[in-house]
């Protein structure tokens, strides 16, 4: 069955580690030159560097015509126009920093690495990528690094970068996946725990979500804790901040996107929704409170996850991961069935 019973029938149907100490010793400092022989770049780092150079070559001919091209996605002076940012300018954690460099989506100003920590492949990748991309790497004491950190465990590395660029809601409503699948969006209604949001974004990116809608008020945004928990997913997920989530959902519905809320008191079963061939936006409610009244009213359908144990609910990140991969499962099955 199709989600919702509204009258919009014209919708489309459809780490290993080494034992060396001091990974950044000799690579730190403004010049970033190493003492002695440098470990060869890993295959992943080489591939990312080659892709980065190709992108730079293709973009160089029009670089002069892009406002603010030299500074990436920097905010303009207060009160003037320019690209809006989502935050995320401080990135902590090894995987998150590595993906920041691999993605090449935004300018990285510098990387801080704690001295006297075990070298790992991920940490060596970070240093190799930073040196190749001419990003300054500074070795600092553990005390200094923890003083600069905004999370409890930065894993010995912090990056400072330009803010994440903000996407446009209309574009998200039309944006297809790399394989050509219809838009697959995720909206969160009042999620305030940064760990939950980060884990949710990581699952969403892995499941093929093409865009995320975040409310501007009464919800957590892209903080260092979110970026660390997301393990690099924020570098690949287009996201937008909206003043009012109900209004944004109505706008998506007008653009032909089915809006499906996820709530314990849903009127249908998540596993009965047929959304494989349709543009869809999953909406997740706040921890404990669920969907707000106005958001629930904007949904075409509200689905619940069948719970067979003694507990009455799932963590929002776990519920979101399950819902995202249910959509993905159906889309993959539909693709296999298409002649």
C-alpha atoms as a PDB file:
ATOM      1  CA  UNK A   1       0.000   0.000   0.000  1.00  0.00           C
ATOM      2  CA  UNK A   2       1.106   3.591  -0.530  1.00  0.00           C
ATOM      3  CA  UNK A   3       1.731   5.715   2.549  1.00  0.00           C
ATOM      4  CA  UNK A   4      -0.997   8.123   3.376  1.00  0.00           C
ATOM      5  CA  UNK A   5      -4.553   8.399   2.271  1.00  0.00           C
ATOM      6  CA  UNK A   6      -4.491  11.993   1.087  1.00  0.00           C
ATOM      7  CA  UNK A   7      -5.887  13.200  -2.183  1.00  0.00           C
ATOM      8  CA  UNK A   8      -2.587  13.704  -3.979  1.00  0.00           C
ATOM      9  CA  UNK A   9      -3.016  10.874  -6.456  1.00  0.00           C
ATOM     10  CA  UNK A  10      -0.782  12.551  -9.042  1.00  0.00           C
ATOM     11  CA  UNK A  11       2.373  11.723  -7.082  1.00  0.00           C
ATOM     12  CA  UNK A  12       5.111   9.800  -8.873  1.00  0.00           C
ATOM     13  CA  UNK A  13       4.666   6.051  -8.274  1.00  0.00           C
ATOM     14  CA  UNK A  14       7.038   5.275  -7.545  1.00  0.00           C
ATOM     15  CA  UNK A  15      41.771   0.423  12.098  1.00  0.00           C
ATOM     16  CA  UNK A  16      44.416  -1.563  12.182  1.00  0.00           C
ATOM     17  CA  UNK A  17      47.284  -0.071  14.105  1.00  0.00           C
ATOM     18  CA  UNK A  18      51.066  -0.081  14.166  1.00  0.00           C
ATOM     19  CA  UNK A  19      53.346   0.244  17.157  1.00  0.00           C
ATOM     20  CA  UNK A  20      55.144   3.460  16.219  1.00  0.00           C
ATOM     21  CA  UNK A  21      54.990   6.425  18.544  1.00  0.00           C
ATOM     22  CA  UNK A  22      54.369  10.013  17.541  1.00  0.00           C
ATOM     23  CA  UNK A  23      52.492   9.800  14.192  1.00  0.00           C
ATOM     24  CA  UNK A  24      52.884  13.473  13.545  1.00  0.00           C
ATOM     25  CA  UNK A  25      56.415  13.959  14.863  1.00  0.00           C
ATOM     26  CA  UNK A  26      58.377  15.781  12.242  1.00  0.00           C
ATOM     27  CA  UNK A  27      55.191  16.261  10.218  1.00  0.00           C
ATOM     28  CA  UNK A  28      53.864  18.877  12.562  1.00  0.00           C
ATOM     29  CA  UNK A  29      54.489  22.550  12.280  1.00  0.00           C
ATOM     30  CA  UNK A  30      53.633  25.020   9.590  1.00  0.00           C
ATOM     31  CA  UNK A  31      55.935  23.597   6.980  1.00  0.00           C
ATOM     32  CA  UNK A  32      54.828  20.007   7.577  1.00  0.00           C
ATOM     33  CA  UNK A  33      58.158  18.397   6.597  1.00  0.00           C
ATOM     34  CA  UNK A  34      58.964  15.021   8.115  1.00  0.00           C
ATOM     35  CA  UNK A  35      62.234  13.854   9.596  1.00  0.00           C
ATOM     36  CA  UNK A  36      63.554  10.868   7.755  1.00  0.00           C
ATOM     37  CA  UNK A  37      61.623   8.621   5.398  1.00  0.00           C
ATOM     38  CA  UNK A  38      57.885   9.042   5.329  1.00  0.00           C
ATOM     39  CA  UNK A  39      55.604   6.041   5.249  1.00  0.00           C
ATOM     40  CA  UNK A  40      54.114   5.548   1.745  1.00  0.00           C
ATOM     41  CA  UNK A  41      50.568   6.779   1.339  1.00  0.00           C
ATOM     42  CA  UNK A  42      47.864   4.192   1.696  1.00  0.00           C
ATOM     43  CA  UNK A  43      45.790   3.231  -1.385  1.00  0.00           C
ATOM     44  CA  UNK A  44      42.803   5.139   0.028  1.00  0.00           C
ATOM     45  CA  UNK A  45      44.866   8.271   0.509  1.00  0.00           C
ATOM     46  CA  UNK A  46      46.343   8.026  -3.000  1.00  0.00           C
ATOM     47  CA  UNK A  47      42.899   7.597  -4.511  1.00  0.00           C
ATOM     48  CA  UNK A  48      41.550  10.598  -2.619  1.00  0.00           C
ATOM     49  CA  UNK A  49      44.485  12.785  -3.656  1.00  0.00           C
ATOM     50  CA  UNK A  50      44.049  11.862  -7.314  1.00  0.00           C
ATOM     51  CA  UNK A  51      40.334  12.648  -7.155  1.00  0.00           C
ATOM     52  CA  UNK A  52      41.070  15.941  -5.434  1.00  0.00           C
ATOM     53  CA  UNK A  53      43.530  16.989  -8.129  1.00  0.00           C
ATOM     54  CA  UNK A  54      41.035  16.114 -10.848  1.00  0.00           C
ATOM     55  CA  UNK A  55      38.340  18.221  -9.210  1.00  0.00           C
ATOM     56  CA  UNK A  56      40.728  21.146  -8.864  1.00  0.00           C
ATOM     57  CA  UNK A  57      41.749  20.923 -12.517  1.00  0.00           C
ATOM     58  CA  UNK A  58      38.154  20.845 -13.699  1.00  0.00           C
ATOM     59  CA  UNK A  59      37.187  23.790 -11.528  1.00  0.00           C
ATOM     60  CA  UNK A  60      40.195  26.009 -12.216  1.00  0.00           C
ATOM     61  CA  UNK A  61      38.800  27.512 -15.422  1.00  0.00           C
ATOM     62  CA  UNK A  62      35.812  28.985 -13.642  1.00  0.00           C
ATOM     63  CA  UNK A  63      37.437  29.719 -10.296  1.00  0.00           C
ATOM     64  CA  UNK A  64      37.616  33.460 -10.933  1.00  0.00           C
ATOM     65  CA  UNK A  65      33.871  33.601 -11.508  1.00  0.00           C
ATOM     66  CA  UNK A  66      32.927  32.023  -8.175  1.00  0.00           C
ATOM     67  CA  UNK A  67      32.367  34.510  -5.342  1.00  0.00           C
ATOM     68  CA  UNK A  68      34.473  33.528  -2.356  1.00  0.00           C
ATOM     69  CA  UNK A  69      36.163  30.676  -4.228  1.00  0.00           C
ATOM     70  CA  UNK A  70      39.479  31.132  -2.466  1.00  0.00           C
ATOM     71  CA  UNK A  71      37.878  30.855   0.943  1.00  0.00           C
ATOM     72  CA  UNK A  72      35.548  27.951   0.292  1.00  0.00           C
ATOM     73  CA  UNK A  73      32.217  28.149   2.096  1.00  0.00           C
ATOM     74  CA  UNK A  74      33.063  31.077   4.350  1.00  0.00           C
ATOM     75  CA  UNK A  75      30.391  33.279   5.800  1.00  0.00           C
ATOM     76  CA  UNK A  76      30.299  36.837   4.503  1.00  0.00           C
ATOM     77  CA  UNK A  77      30.330  39.879   6.796  1.00  0.00           C
ATOM     78  CA  UNK A  78      27.366  40.101   9.121  1.00  0.00           C
ATOM     79  CA  UNK A  79      24.332  41.515   7.361  1.00  0.00           C
ATOM     80  CA  UNK A  80      25.600  40.736   3.855  1.00  0.00           C
ATOM     81  CA  UNK A  81      24.708  37.947   1.482  1.00  0.00           C
ATOM     82  CA  UNK A  82      26.794  34.846   0.918  1.00  0.00           C
ATOM     83  CA  UNK A  83      26.689  31.101   1.501  1.00  0.00           C
ATOM     84  CA  UNK A  84      24.958  30.073   4.693  1.00  0.00           C
ATOM     85  CA  UNK A  85      26.706  27.652   7.014  1.00  0.00           C
ATOM     86  CA  UNK A  86      25.523  24.822   9.225  1.00  0.00           C
ATOM     87  CA  UNK A  87      28.377  24.902  11.718  1.00  0.00           C
ATOM     88  CA  UNK A  88      30.680  21.919  12.013  1.00  0.00           C
ATOM     89  CA  UNK A  89      33.799  24.079  11.801  1.00  0.00           C
ATOM     90  CA  UNK A  90      35.596  22.014  14.479  1.00  0.00           C
ATOM     91  CA  UNK A  91      35.906  18.326  13.690  1.00  0.00           C
ATOM     92  CA  UNK A  92      37.187  15.838  16.256  1.00  0.00           C
ATOM     93  CA  UNK A  93      37.902  12.133  16.107  1.00  0.00           C
ATOM     94  CA  UNK A  94      40.112  10.171  13.712  1.00  0.00           C
ATOM     95  CA  UNK A  95      37.463   8.863  11.341  1.00  0.00           C
ATOM     96  CA  UNK A  96      35.665  12.197  11.176  1.00  0.00           C
ATOM     97  CA  UNK A  97      38.864  14.123  10.384  1.00  0.00           C
ATOM     98  CA  UNK A  98      39.968  11.546   7.840  1.00  0.00           C
ATOM     99  CA  UNK A  99      36.650  11.769   5.996  1.00  0.00           C
ATOM    100  CA  UNK A 100      36.828  15.566   6.147  1.00  0.00           C
ATOM    101  CA  UNK A 101      40.052  15.408   4.144  1.00  0.00           C
ATOM    102  CA  UNK A 102      38.925  12.605   1.835  1.00  0.00           C
ATOM    103  CA  UNK A 103      35.671  14.344   0.898  1.00  0.00           C
ATOM    104  CA  UNK A 104      37.361  17.606  -0.106  1.00  0.00           C
ATOM    105  CA  UNK A 105      34.040  19.398   0.290  1.00  0.00           C
ATOM    106  CA  UNK A 106      35.285  22.327   2.361  1.00  0.00           C
ATOM    107  CA  UNK A 107      38.476  24.164   3.199  1.00  0.00           C
ATOM    108  CA  UNK A 108      40.501  22.806   6.134  1.00  0.00           C
ATOM    109  CA  UNK A 109      42.520  25.486   7.946  1.00  0.00           C
ATOM    110  CA  UNK A 110      44.679  23.348  10.241  1.00  0.00           C
ATOM    111  CA  UNK A 111      44.937  20.032  12.055  1.00  0.00           C
ATOM    112  CA  UNK A 112      46.117  19.551  15.633  1.00  0.00           C
ATOM    113  CA  UNK A 113      47.633  16.176  16.568  1.00  0.00           C
ATOM    114  CA  UNK A 114      48.491  15.123  20.112  1.00  0.00           C
ATOM    115  CA  UNK A 115      52.120  14.185  20.719  1.00  0.00           C
ATOM    116  CA  UNK A 116      53.252  10.759  21.936  1.00  0.00           C
ATOM    117  CA  UNK A 117      50.296   8.670  20.813  1.00  0.00           C
ATOM    118  CA  UNK A 118      50.350   5.326  19.035  1.00  0.00           C
ATOM    119  CA  UNK A 119      50.516   5.604  15.278  1.00  0.00           C
ATOM    120  CA  UNK A 120      47.709   3.929  13.313  1.00  0.00           C
ATOM    121  CA  UNK A 121      46.846   3.646   9.653  1.00  0.00           C
ATOM    122  CA  UNK A 122      44.020   6.155  10.078  1.00  0.00           C
ATOM    123  CA  UNK A 123      46.260   8.668  11.818  1.00  0.00           C
ATOM    124  CA  UNK A 124      48.955   8.231   9.186  1.00  0.00           C
ATOM    125  CA  UNK A 125      46.337   8.751   6.459  1.00  0.00           C
ATOM    126  CA  UNK A 126      45.330  12.023   8.111  1.00  0.00           C
ATOM    127  CA  UNK A 127      48.907  13.296   8.147  1.00  0.00           C
ATOM    128  CA  UNK A 128      49.595  12.129   4.575  1.00  0.00           C
ATOM    129  CA  UNK A 129      46.415  13.682   3.211  1.00  0.00           C
ATOM    130  CA  UNK A 130      46.986  16.933   5.092  1.00  0.00           C
ATOM    131  CA  UNK A 131      50.529  17.276   3.794  1.00  0.00           C
ATOM    132  CA  UNK A 132      49.487  16.561   0.222  1.00  0.00           C
ATOM    133  CA  UNK A 133      46.602  19.036   0.435  1.00  0.00           C
ATOM    134  CA  UNK A 134      48.915  21.617   2.046  1.00  0.00           C
ATOM    135  CA  UNK A 135      46.916  21.735   5.273  1.00  0.00           C
ATOM    136  CA  UNK A 136      49.121  22.756   8.237  1.00  0.00           C
ATOM    137  CA  UNK A 137      49.571  19.997  10.828  1.00  0.00           C
ATOM    138  CA  UNK A 138      50.612  21.072  14.324  1.00  0.00           C
ATOM    139  CA  UNK A 139      51.777  18.674  17.015  1.00  0.00           C
ATOM    140  CA  UNK A 140      50.625  19.800  20.462  1.00  0.00           C
ATOM    141  CA  UNK A 141      50.710  18.310  23.928  1.00  0.00           C
ATOM    142  CA  UNK A 142      47.839  16.142  25.074  1.00  0.00           C
ATOM    143  CA  UNK A 143      46.947  18.822  27.635  1.00  0.00           C
ATOM    144  CA  UNK A 144      46.705  21.457  24.941  1.00  0.00           C
ATOM    145  CA  UNK A 145      44.646  19.229  22.671  1.00  0.00           C
ATOM    146  CA  UNK A 146      42.136  18.414  25.401  1.00  0.00           C
ATOM    147  CA  UNK A 147      41.915  22.122  26.248  1.00  0.00           C
ATOM    148  CA  UNK A 148      40.945  22.820  22.635  1.00  0.00           C
ATOM    149  CA  UNK A 149      38.544  19.882  22.370  1.00  0.00           C
ATOM    150  CA  UNK A 150      34.770  20.173  22.714  1.00  0.00           C
ATOM    151  CA  UNK A 151      34.143  16.455  23.042  1.00  0.00           C
ATOM    152  CA  UNK A 152      35.173  14.091  25.816  1.00  0.00           C
ATOM    153  CA  UNK A 153      37.395  11.973  23.583  1.00  0.00           C
ATOM    154  CA  UNK A 154      38.869  13.694  20.495  1.00  0.00           C
ATOM    155  CA  UNK A 155      41.055  10.620  19.836  1.00  0.00           C
ATOM    156  CA  UNK A 156      44.196  12.722  19.581  1.00  0.00           C
ATOM    157  CA  UNK A 157      43.220  14.824  16.571  1.00  0.00           C
ATOM    158  CA  UNK A 158      41.243  18.017  15.910  1.00  0.00           C
ATOM    159  CA  UNK A 159      40.637  19.773  12.599  1.00  0.00           C
ATOM    160  CA  UNK A 160      39.475  23.329  12.048  1.00  0.00           C
ATOM    161  CA  UNK A 161      37.599  23.876   8.820  1.00  0.00           C
ATOM    162  CA  UNK A 162      35.108  26.087   7.030  1.00  0.00           C
ATOM    163  CA  UNK A 163      31.497  25.586   8.029  1.00  0.00           C
ATOM    164  CA  UNK A 164      29.417  22.979   6.286  1.00  0.00           C
ATOM    165  CA  UNK A 165      27.457  24.567   3.433  1.00  0.00           C
ATOM    166  CA  UNK A 166      23.689  24.639   3.771  1.00  0.00           C
ATOM    167  CA  UNK A 167      21.589  23.067   1.045  1.00  0.00           C
ATOM    168  CA  UNK A 168      18.321  24.432  -0.317  1.00  0.00           C
ATOM    169  CA  UNK A 169      15.113  22.650   0.667  1.00  0.00           C
ATOM    170  CA  UNK A 170      13.667  22.788  -2.850  1.00  0.00           C
ATOM    171  CA  UNK A 171      16.806  21.211  -4.260  1.00  0.00           C
ATOM    172  CA  UNK A 172      16.703  18.446  -1.643  1.00  0.00           C
ATOM    173  CA  UNK A 173      13.142  17.675  -2.681  1.00  0.00           C
ATOM    174  CA  UNK A 174      14.319  17.033  -6.247  1.00  0.00           C
ATOM    175  CA  UNK A 175      17.779  15.543  -5.608  1.00  0.00           C
ATOM    176  CA  UNK A 176      18.140  11.954  -6.765  1.00  0.00           C
ATOM    177  CA  UNK A 177      20.723   9.499  -5.536  1.00  0.00           C
ATOM    178  CA  UNK A 178      23.893   8.697  -7.480  1.00  0.00           C
ATOM    179  CA  UNK A 179      22.127   5.613  -8.883  1.00  0.00           C
ATOM    180  CA  UNK A 180      19.161   7.688 -10.060  1.00  0.00           C
ATOM    181  CA  UNK A 181      16.761   6.634  -7.284  1.00  0.00           C
ATOM    182  CA  UNK A 182      14.066   9.132  -6.221  1.00  0.00           C
ATOM    183  CA  UNK A 183      14.797  11.584  -3.395  1.00  0.00           C
ATOM    184  CA  UNK A 184      15.185   9.925   0.007  1.00  0.00           C
ATOM    185  CA  UNK A 185      15.100  12.521   2.785  1.00  0.00           C
ATOM    186  CA  UNK A 186      15.324  12.402   6.564  1.00  0.00           C
ATOM    187  CA  UNK A 187      13.803  15.044   8.845  1.00  0.00           C
ATOM    188  CA  UNK A 188      14.225  15.214  12.608  1.00  0.00           C
ATOM    189  CA  UNK A 189      11.644  16.763  14.894  1.00  0.00           C
ATOM    190  CA  UNK A 190      13.238  18.136  18.062  1.00  0.00           C
ATOM    191  CA  UNK A 191      16.124  15.679  18.524  1.00  0.00           C
ATOM    192  CA  UNK A 192      18.313  17.312  21.178  1.00  0.00           C
ATOM    193  CA  UNK A 193      20.938  14.653  21.964  1.00  0.00           C
ATOM    194  CA  UNK A 194      24.057  15.203  19.807  1.00  0.00           C
ATOM    195  CA  UNK A 195      25.158  11.589  20.103  1.00  0.00           C
ATOM    196  CA  UNK A 196      21.802  10.405  18.808  1.00  0.00           C
ATOM    197  CA  UNK A 197      21.828  12.854  15.911  1.00  0.00           C
ATOM    198  CA  UNK A 198      25.381  11.891  14.946  1.00  0.00           C
ATOM    199  CA  UNK A 199      24.595   8.177  15.003  1.00  0.00           C
ATOM    200  CA  UNK A 200      21.432   8.833  13.019  1.00  0.00           C
ATOM    201  CA  UNK A 201      23.341  10.778  10.351  1.00  0.00           C
ATOM    202  CA  UNK A 202      25.893   7.967  10.059  1.00  0.00           C
ATOM    203  CA  UNK A 203      23.168   5.384   9.482  1.00  0.00           C
ATOM    204  CA  UNK A 204      21.347   7.696   7.068  1.00  0.00           C
ATOM    205  CA  UNK A 205      24.424   8.218   4.899  1.00  0.00           C
ATOM    206  CA  UNK A 206      25.135   4.494   4.792  1.00  0.00           C
ATOM    207  CA  UNK A 207      21.517   3.794   3.819  1.00  0.00           C
ATOM    208  CA  UNK A 208      21.626   6.200   0.870  1.00  0.00           C
ATOM    209  CA  UNK A 209      19.689   9.159   2.257  1.00  0.00           C
ATOM    210  CA  UNK A 210      20.042  12.062  -0.180  1.00  0.00           C
ATOM    211  CA  UNK A 211      19.312  14.953   2.199  1.00  0.00           C
ATOM    212  CA  UNK A 212      18.566  15.872   5.816  1.00  0.00           C
ATOM    213  CA  UNK A 213      16.160  18.500   7.165  1.00  0.00           C
ATOM    214  CA  UNK A 214      16.970  19.957  10.591  1.00  0.00           C
ATOM    215  CA  UNK A 215      14.758  22.418  12.514  1.00  0.00           C
ATOM    216  CA  UNK A 216      16.466  25.666  13.442  1.00  0.00           C
ATOM    217  CA  UNK A 217      14.902  25.843  16.909  1.00  0.00           C
ATOM    218  CA  UNK A 218      14.614  23.443  19.875  1.00  0.00           C
ATOM    219  CA  UNK A 219      16.950  20.889  18.324  1.00  0.00           C
ATOM    220  CA  UNK A 220      20.653  20.083  18.255  1.00  0.00           C
ATOM    221  CA  UNK A 221      22.631  21.228  15.213  1.00  0.00           C
ATOM    222  CA  UNK A 222      26.025  20.151  13.843  1.00  0.00           C
ATOM    223  CA  UNK A 223      28.284  20.302  16.899  1.00  0.00           C
ATOM    224  CA  UNK A 224      31.701  18.635  17.372  1.00  0.00           C
ATOM    225  CA  UNK A 225      29.957  15.793  19.208  1.00  0.00           C
ATOM    226  CA  UNK A 226      27.600  15.318  16.273  1.00  0.00           C
ATOM    227  CA  UNK A 227      30.434  15.276  13.724  1.00  0.00           C
ATOM    228  CA  UNK A 228      32.428  12.789  15.803  1.00  0.00           C
ATOM    229  CA  UNK A 229      29.469  10.451  16.315  1.00  0.00           C
ATOM    230  CA  UNK A 230      28.641  10.703  12.617  1.00  0.00           C
ATOM    231  CA  UNK A 231      32.199   9.498  11.779  1.00  0.00           C
ATOM    232  CA  UNK A 232      32.398  11.623   8.630  1.00  0.00           C
ATOM    233  CA  UNK A 233      28.810  11.302   7.389  1.00  0.00           C
ATOM    234  CA  UNK A 234      28.289  15.077   7.613  1.00  0.00           C
ATOM    235  CA  UNK A 235      30.804  15.492   4.780  1.00  0.00           C
ATOM    236  CA  UNK A 236      28.550  13.646   2.325  1.00  0.00           C
ATOM    237  CA  UNK A 237      25.000  14.434   3.469  1.00  0.00           C
ATOM    238  CA  UNK A 238      23.419  17.637   2.117  1.00  0.00           C
ATOM    239  CA  UNK A 239      21.588  19.301   5.013  1.00  0.00           C
ATOM    240  CA  UNK A 240      19.324  22.286   5.471  1.00  0.00           C
ATOM    241  CA  UNK A 241      18.043  24.227   8.477  1.00  0.00           C
ATOM    242  CA  UNK A 242      14.388  25.259   8.395  1.00  0.00           C
ATOM    243  CA  UNK A 243      12.559  27.758  10.571  1.00  0.00           C
ATOM    244  CA  UNK A 244       9.489  25.556  10.929  1.00  0.00           C
ATOM    245  CA  UNK A 245       9.449  21.835  10.232  1.00  0.00           C
ATOM    246  CA  UNK A 246       5.673  21.635   9.546  1.00  0.00           C
ATOM    247  CA  UNK A 247       5.989  24.300   6.848  1.00  0.00           C
ATOM    248  CA  UNK A 248       8.986  22.534   5.330  1.00  0.00           C
ATOM    249  CA  UNK A 249       7.100  19.237   5.215  1.00  0.00           C
ATOM    250  CA  UNK A 250       4.170  20.897   3.490  1.00  0.00           C
ATOM    251  CA  UNK A 251       6.593  22.329   0.930  1.00  0.00           C
ATOM    252  CA  UNK A 252       8.021  18.869   0.300  1.00  0.00           C
ATOM    253  CA  UNK A 253       4.555  17.401  -0.112  1.00  0.00           C
ATOM    254  CA  UNK A 254       3.724  20.042  -2.698  1.00  0.00           C
ATOM    255  CA  UNK A 255       6.868  18.989  -4.552  1.00  0.00           C
ATOM    256  CA  UNK A 256       5.615  15.392  -4.744  1.00  0.00           C
ATOM    257  CA  UNK A 257       7.459  13.884  -1.767  1.00  0.00           C
ATOM    258  CA  UNK A 258       5.606  11.418   0.462  1.00  0.00           C
ATOM    259  CA  UNK A 259       6.081  12.319   4.143  1.00  0.00           C
ATOM    260  CA  UNK A 260       6.142   9.347   6.521  1.00  0.00           C
ATOM    261  CA  UNK A 261       6.386   9.915  10.265  1.00  0.00           C
ATOM    262  CA  UNK A 262       7.896   7.323  12.577  1.00  0.00           C
ATOM    263  CA  UNK A 263       6.200   7.068  15.948  1.00  0.00           C
ATOM    264  CA  UNK A 264       5.340   4.379  18.487  1.00  0.00           C
ATOM    265  CA  UNK A 265       1.665   5.203  18.093  1.00  0.00           C
ATOM    266  CA  UNK A 266       1.694   4.881  14.319  1.00  0.00           C
ATOM    267  CA  UNK A 267      -1.419   3.860  12.456  1.00  0.00           C
ATOM    268  CA  UNK A 268       0.396   1.420  10.199  1.00  0.00           C
ATOM    269  CA  UNK A 269       3.369  -0.934  10.317  1.00  0.00           C
ATOM    270  CA  UNK A 270       6.737   0.287   9.015  1.00  0.00           C
ATOM    271  CA  UNK A 271       7.181  -2.988   7.175  1.00  0.00           C
ATOM    272  CA  UNK A 272       3.874  -2.518   5.308  1.00  0.00           C
ATOM    273  CA  UNK A 273       4.868   0.754   3.642  1.00  0.00           C
ATOM    274  CA  UNK A 274       5.555   0.614  -0.074  1.00  0.00           C
ATOM    275  CA  UNK A 275       7.911   3.492  -0.731  1.00  0.00           C
ATOM    276  CA  UNK A 276      10.546   1.916  -2.944  1.00  0.00           C
ATOM    277  CA  UNK A 277       9.704   3.781  -6.164  1.00  0.00           C
ATOM    278  CA  UNK A 278       8.549   7.058  -4.639  1.00  0.00           C
ATOM    279  CA  UNK A 279      10.214  10.224  -3.348  1.00  0.00           C
ATOM    280  CA  UNK A 280       9.985   9.906   0.429  1.00  0.00           C
ATOM    281  CA  UNK A 281      10.870  11.822   3.577  1.00  0.00           C
ATOM    282  CA  UNK A 282      11.101   9.939   6.871  1.00  0.00           C
ATOM    283  CA  UNK A 283      10.353  12.082   9.934  1.00  0.00           C
ATOM    284  CA  UNK A 284      11.716  11.082  13.340  1.00  0.00           C
ATOM    285  CA  UNK A 285      10.408  12.531  16.594  1.00  0.00           C
ATOM    286  CA  UNK A 286      12.249  13.709  19.682  1.00  0.00           C
ATOM    287  CA  UNK A 287      13.550  11.323  22.314  1.00  0.00           C
ATOM    288  CA  UNK A 288      10.638  10.404  24.575  1.00  0.00           C
ATOM    289  CA  UNK A 289       8.127  12.906  23.147  1.00  0.00           C
ATOM    290  CA  UNK A 290       7.855  11.541  19.639  1.00  0.00           C
ATOM    291  CA  UNK A 291       6.387  13.623  16.836  1.00  0.00           C
ATOM    292  CA  UNK A 292       4.920  17.015  17.675  1.00  0.00           C
ATOM    293  CA  UNK A 293       1.242  17.549  16.886  1.00  0.00           C
ATOM    294  CA  UNK A 294       1.752  19.857  13.900  1.00  0.00           C
ATOM    295  CA  UNK A 295       4.432  17.643  12.373  1.00  0.00           C
ATOM    296  CA  UNK A 296       2.230  14.583  12.798  1.00  0.00           C
ATOM    297  CA  UNK A 297      -0.613  16.370  11.025  1.00  0.00           C
ATOM    298  CA  UNK A 298       1.652  17.068   8.048  1.00  0.00           C
ATOM    299  CA  UNK A 299       2.544  13.408   7.555  1.00  0.00           C
ATOM    300  CA  UNK A 300       0.864  11.311   4.851  1.00  0.00           C
ATOM    301  CA  UNK A 301       1.248   8.315   7.128  1.00  0.00           C
ATOM    302  CA  UNK A 302       2.592   7.602  10.606  1.00  0.00           C
ATOM    303  CA  UNK A 303       4.298   4.236  10.896  1.00  0.00           C
ATOM    304  CA  UNK A 304       5.301   2.279  13.959  1.00  0.00           C
ATOM    305  CA  UNK A 305       7.943  -0.385  14.482  1.00  0.00           C
ATOM    306  CA  UNK A 306       6.545  -3.620  15.919  1.00  0.00           C
ATOM    307  CA  UNK A 307       8.098  -4.273  19.321  1.00  0.00           C
ATOM    308  CA  UNK A 308       7.859  -7.833  20.630  1.00  0.00           C
ATOM    309  CA  UNK A 309       9.816  -7.478  23.857  1.00  0.00           C
ATOM    310  CA  UNK A 310       9.022  -5.873  27.191  1.00  0.00           C
ATOM    311  CA  UNK A 311      10.404  -2.392  26.460  1.00  0.00           C
ATOM    312  CA  UNK A 312       8.045   0.208  25.033  1.00  0.00           C
ATOM    313  CA  UNK A 313      10.343   2.088  22.665  1.00  0.00           C
ATOM    314  CA  UNK A 314      13.600   2.193  20.738  1.00  0.00           C
ATOM    315  CA  UNK A 315      16.342   4.793  20.894  1.00  0.00           C
ATOM    316  CA  UNK A 316      15.725   7.365  18.129  1.00  0.00           C
ATOM    317  CA  UNK A 317      19.038   6.544  16.455  1.00  0.00           C
ATOM    318  CA  UNK A 318      18.241   2.819  16.398  1.00  0.00           C
ATOM    319  CA  UNK A 319      14.692   3.425  15.177  1.00  0.00           C
ATOM    320  CA  UNK A 320      15.964   5.774  12.480  1.00  0.00           C
ATOM    321  CA  UNK A 321      18.571   3.294  11.292  1.00  0.00           C
ATOM    322  CA  UNK A 322      15.945   0.568  11.039  1.00  0.00           C
ATOM    323  CA  UNK A 323      13.548   2.812   9.110  1.00  0.00           C
ATOM    324  CA  UNK A 324      16.221   4.083   6.714  1.00  0.00           C
ATOM    325  CA  UNK A 325      17.404   0.603   5.847  1.00  0.00           C
ATOM    326  CA  UNK A 326      13.824  -0.615   5.413  1.00  0.00           C
ATOM    327  CA  UNK A 327      13.393   1.980   2.659  1.00  0.00           C
ATOM    328  CA  UNK A 328      16.739   0.931   1.197  1.00  0.00           C
ATOM    329  CA  UNK A 329      15.786  -2.752   1.320  1.00  0.00           C
ATOM    330  CA  UNK A 330      12.579  -2.072  -0.577  1.00  0.00           C
ATOM    331  CA  UNK A 331      14.347   0.041  -3.180  1.00  0.00           C
ATOM    332  CA  UNK A 332      16.972  -2.612  -3.795  1.00  0.00           C
ATOM    333  CA  UNK A 333      14.284  -5.271  -4.119  1.00  0.00           C
ATOM    334  CA  UNK A 334      12.335  -3.113  -6.579  1.00  0.00           C
ATOM    335  CA  UNK A 335      15.479  -2.574  -8.654  1.00  0.00           C
ATOM    336  CA  UNK A 336      16.111  -6.328  -8.855  1.00  0.00           C
ATOM    337  CA  UNK A 337      12.517  -6.931  -9.954  1.00  0.00           C
ATOM    338  CA  UNK A 338      12.621  -4.294 -12.702  1.00  0.00           C
ATOM    339  CA  UNK A 339      13.220  -5.968 -16.072  1.00  0.00           C
END
